[in-house]
Amino acid sequence: LSDGYTVEDCQLVCRFKWQDQKFDKQYYRPSTLFRACNFEGYLYAAREKMPQPKKPVYFPDIPK
């Protein structure tokens, strides 16, 4: 978080690595997931491969 990442970024990486079949679950721990040399690559891969939640579209009130 002190490097400018958001809580949502951290949650995305956690979900992505948990669902990754190639990732050995014995390494699913904060010291591995959030290590500076790992996190940026994990986040990039997660953003590329995980479906992103769609933001709601708000339309202005249409005059009647």
N, C-alpha and C. Protein backbone atom coordinates (compact mmCIF):
# COMPACT_ATOMS: atom_id res chain seq x y z
N LEU A 1 0.82 -1.19 0.00
CA LEU A 1 0.00 0.00 0.00
C LEU A 1 0.87 1.26 0.00
N SER A 2 2.00 1.19 0.69
CA SER A 2 2.88 2.36 0.73
C SER A 2 3.53 2.63 -0.62
N ASP A 3 3.50 1.66 -1.53
CA ASP A 3 4.06 1.84 -2.87
C ASP A 3 3.03 2.35 -3.86
N GLY A 4 1.82 2.64 -3.39
CA GLY A 4 0.80 3.22 -4.25
C GLY A 4 -0.23 2.23 -4.77
N TYR A 5 -0.14 0.98 -4.36
CA TYR A 5 -1.15 0.00 -4.78
C TYR A 5 -2.36 0.14 -3.88
N THR A 6 -3.50 -0.30 -4.38
CA THR A 6 -4.74 -0.19 -3.61
C THR A 6 -5.08 -1.52 -2.93
N VAL A 7 -6.04 -1.46 -2.04
CA VAL A 7 -6.53 -2.67 -1.40
C VAL A 7 -7.13 -3.59 -2.47
N GLU A 8 -7.80 -3.00 -3.45
CA GLU A 8 -8.38 -3.79 -4.53
C GLU A 8 -7.31 -4.51 -5.34
N ASP A 9 -6.15 -3.86 -5.53
CA ASP A 9 -5.03 -4.52 -6.22
C ASP A 9 -4.58 -5.75 -5.43
N CYS A 10 -4.47 -5.60 -4.14
CA CYS A 10 -4.04 -6.71 -3.28
C CYS A 10 -5.05 -7.85 -3.32
N GLN A 11 -6.34 -7.51 -3.27
CA GLN A 11 -7.38 -8.53 -3.33
C GLN A 11 -7.37 -9.25 -4.68
N LEU A 12 -7.13 -8.51 -5.74
CA LEU A 12 -7.09 -9.10 -7.08
C LEU A 12 -5.94 -10.10 -7.18
N VAL A 13 -4.77 -9.73 -6.67
CA VAL A 13 -3.63 -10.65 -6.71
C VAL A 13 -3.92 -11.90 -5.89
N CYS A 14 -4.52 -11.74 -4.73
CA CYS A 14 -4.84 -12.90 -3.89
C CYS A 14 -5.81 -13.84 -4.60
N ARG A 15 -6.87 -13.29 -5.18
CA ARG A 15 -7.83 -14.13 -5.91
C ARG A 15 -7.18 -14.82 -7.11
N PHE A 16 -6.36 -14.06 -7.84
CA PHE A 16 -5.71 -14.59 -9.03
C PHE A 16 -4.76 -15.74 -8.68
N LYS A 17 -3.93 -15.56 -7.69
CA LYS A 17 -2.96 -16.60 -7.36
C LYS A 17 -3.64 -17.81 -6.72
N TRP A 18 -4.74 -17.61 -6.01
CA TRP A 18 -5.45 -18.74 -5.43
C TRP A 18 -6.06 -19.60 -6.52
N GLN A 19 -6.54 -18.98 -7.60
CA GLN A 19 -7.16 -19.72 -8.70
C GLN A 19 -6.14 -20.27 -9.69
N ASP A 20 -4.90 -19.83 -9.59
CA ASP A 20 -3.85 -20.26 -10.51
C ASP A 20 -3.45 -21.70 -10.20
N GLN A 21 -3.73 -22.60 -11.13
CA GLN A 21 -3.45 -24.03 -10.90
C GLN A 21 -1.96 -24.33 -10.86
N LYS A 22 -1.15 -23.48 -11.49
CA LYS A 22 0.29 -23.72 -11.54
C LYS A 22 1.00 -23.21 -10.29
N PHE A 23 0.32 -22.38 -9.50
CA PHE A 23 0.92 -21.78 -8.31
C PHE A 23 0.81 -22.76 -7.15
N ASP A 24 1.94 -23.15 -6.60
CA ASP A 24 1.96 -24.11 -5.49
C ASP A 24 1.40 -23.43 -4.23
N LYS A 25 0.34 -24.00 -3.70
CA LYS A 25 -0.36 -23.39 -2.57
C LYS A 25 0.51 -23.26 -1.31
N GLN A 26 1.59 -24.01 -1.23
CA GLN A 26 2.46 -23.85 -0.06
C GLN A 26 3.13 -22.47 -0.06
N TYR A 27 3.16 -21.80 -1.22
CA TYR A 27 3.74 -20.46 -1.31
C TYR A 27 2.70 -19.36 -1.24
N TYR A 28 1.46 -19.73 -0.97
CA TYR A 28 0.39 -18.74 -0.84
C TYR A 28 0.48 -18.13 0.56
N ARG A 29 1.35 -17.15 0.68
CA ARG A 29 1.53 -16.47 1.96
C ARG A 29 1.94 -15.03 1.67
N PRO A 30 1.71 -14.13 2.62
CA PRO A 30 2.00 -12.71 2.38
C PRO A 30 3.44 -12.44 1.96
N SER A 31 4.38 -13.15 2.56
CA SER A 31 5.78 -12.89 2.23
C SER A 31 6.10 -13.19 0.77
N THR A 32 5.35 -14.07 0.15
CA THR A 32 5.55 -14.38 -1.27
C THR A 32 4.69 -13.48 -2.15
N LEU A 33 3.41 -13.38 -1.83
CA LEU A 33 2.49 -12.62 -2.67
C LEU A 33 2.83 -11.14 -2.74
N PHE A 34 3.25 -10.56 -1.63
CA PHE A 34 3.45 -9.12 -1.57
C PHE A 34 4.91 -8.70 -1.60
N ARG A 35 5.81 -9.62 -1.86
CA ARG A 35 7.23 -9.26 -2.02
C ARG A 35 7.34 -8.34 -3.24
N ALA A 36 8.09 -7.29 -3.09
CA ALA A 36 8.17 -6.27 -4.15
C ALA A 36 8.56 -6.86 -5.50
N CYS A 37 9.45 -7.83 -5.51
CA CYS A 37 9.89 -8.39 -6.80
C CYS A 37 8.83 -9.30 -7.42
N ASN A 38 7.81 -9.73 -6.66
CA ASN A 38 6.76 -10.60 -7.18
C ASN A 38 5.46 -9.86 -7.48
N PHE A 39 5.10 -8.93 -6.61
CA PHE A 39 3.76 -8.36 -6.62
C PHE A 39 3.43 -7.67 -7.94
N GLU A 40 4.32 -6.89 -8.47
CA GLU A 40 4.03 -6.16 -9.70
C GLU A 40 3.73 -7.11 -10.86
N GLY A 41 4.50 -8.17 -10.97
CA GLY A 41 4.25 -9.16 -12.02
C GLY A 41 2.95 -9.90 -11.81
N TYR A 42 2.65 -10.26 -10.57
CA TYR A 42 1.38 -10.92 -10.26
C TYR A 42 0.21 -10.00 -10.61
N LEU A 43 0.33 -8.74 -10.26
CA LEU A 43 -0.75 -7.79 -10.52
C LEU A 43 -0.95 -7.60 -12.02
N TYR A 44 0.12 -7.49 -12.75
CA TYR A 44 0.01 -7.35 -14.21
C TYR A 44 -0.70 -8.56 -14.81
N ALA A 45 -0.30 -9.75 -14.41
CA ALA A 45 -0.92 -10.97 -14.93
C ALA A 45 -2.39 -11.05 -14.53
N ALA A 46 -2.69 -10.66 -13.30
CA ALA A 46 -4.08 -10.71 -12.83
C ALA A 46 -4.95 -9.76 -13.62
N ARG A 47 -4.44 -8.57 -13.90
CA ARG A 47 -5.22 -7.61 -14.67
C ARG A 47 -5.46 -8.09 -16.10
N GLU A 48 -4.52 -8.83 -16.63
CA GLU A 48 -4.66 -9.35 -17.99
C GLU A 48 -5.62 -10.52 -18.07
N LYS A 49 -5.63 -11.37 -17.06
CA LYS A 49 -6.36 -12.65 -17.14
C LYS A 49 -7.65 -12.72 -16.35
N MET A 50 -7.77 -11.94 -15.31
CA MET A 50 -8.97 -12.01 -14.48
C MET A 50 -10.04 -11.06 -15.01
N PRO A 51 -11.28 -11.48 -14.99
CA PRO A 51 -12.35 -10.55 -15.40
C PRO A 51 -12.46 -9.42 -14.39
N GLN A 52 -12.49 -8.23 -14.89
CA GLN A 52 -12.60 -7.06 -14.02
C GLN A 52 -14.07 -6.74 -13.79
N PRO A 53 -14.42 -6.39 -12.57
CA PRO A 53 -15.82 -6.01 -12.33
C PRO A 53 -16.16 -4.77 -13.14
N LYS A 54 -17.33 -4.78 -13.72
CA LYS A 54 -17.74 -3.64 -14.50
C LYS A 54 -18.26 -2.55 -13.58
N LYS A 55 -17.84 -1.34 -13.87
CA LYS A 55 -18.31 -0.21 -13.08
C LYS A 55 -19.71 0.16 -13.58
N PRO A 56 -20.59 0.50 -12.67
CA PRO A 56 -21.94 0.86 -13.11
C PRO A 56 -21.91 2.12 -13.97
N VAL A 57 -22.76 2.14 -14.95
CA VAL A 57 -22.88 3.30 -15.82
C VAL A 57 -24.04 4.13 -15.32
N TYR A 58 -23.77 5.38 -15.06
CA TYR A 58 -24.82 6.27 -14.58
C TYR A 58 -25.19 7.24 -15.70
N PHE A 59 -26.46 7.33 -15.94
CA PHE A 59 -26.96 8.24 -16.96
C PHE A 59 -27.57 9.45 -16.26
N PRO A 60 -27.33 10.60 -16.81
CA PRO A 60 -27.98 11.79 -16.20
C PRO A 60 -29.50 11.69 -16.39
N ASP A 61 -30.18 12.36 -15.54
CA ASP A 61 -31.65 12.37 -15.66
C ASP A 61 -32.04 12.99 -17.00
N ILE A 62 -32.90 12.28 -17.69
CA ILE A 62 -33.36 12.76 -18.99
C ILE A 62 -34.62 13.58 -18.76
N PRO A 63 -34.62 14.81 -19.26
CA PRO A 63 -35.83 15.64 -19.05
C PRO A 63 -37.04 15.01 -19.74
N LYS A 64 -38.18 15.13 -19.09
CA LYS A 64 -39.42 14.57 -19.63
C LYS A 64 -40.17 15.58 -20.44
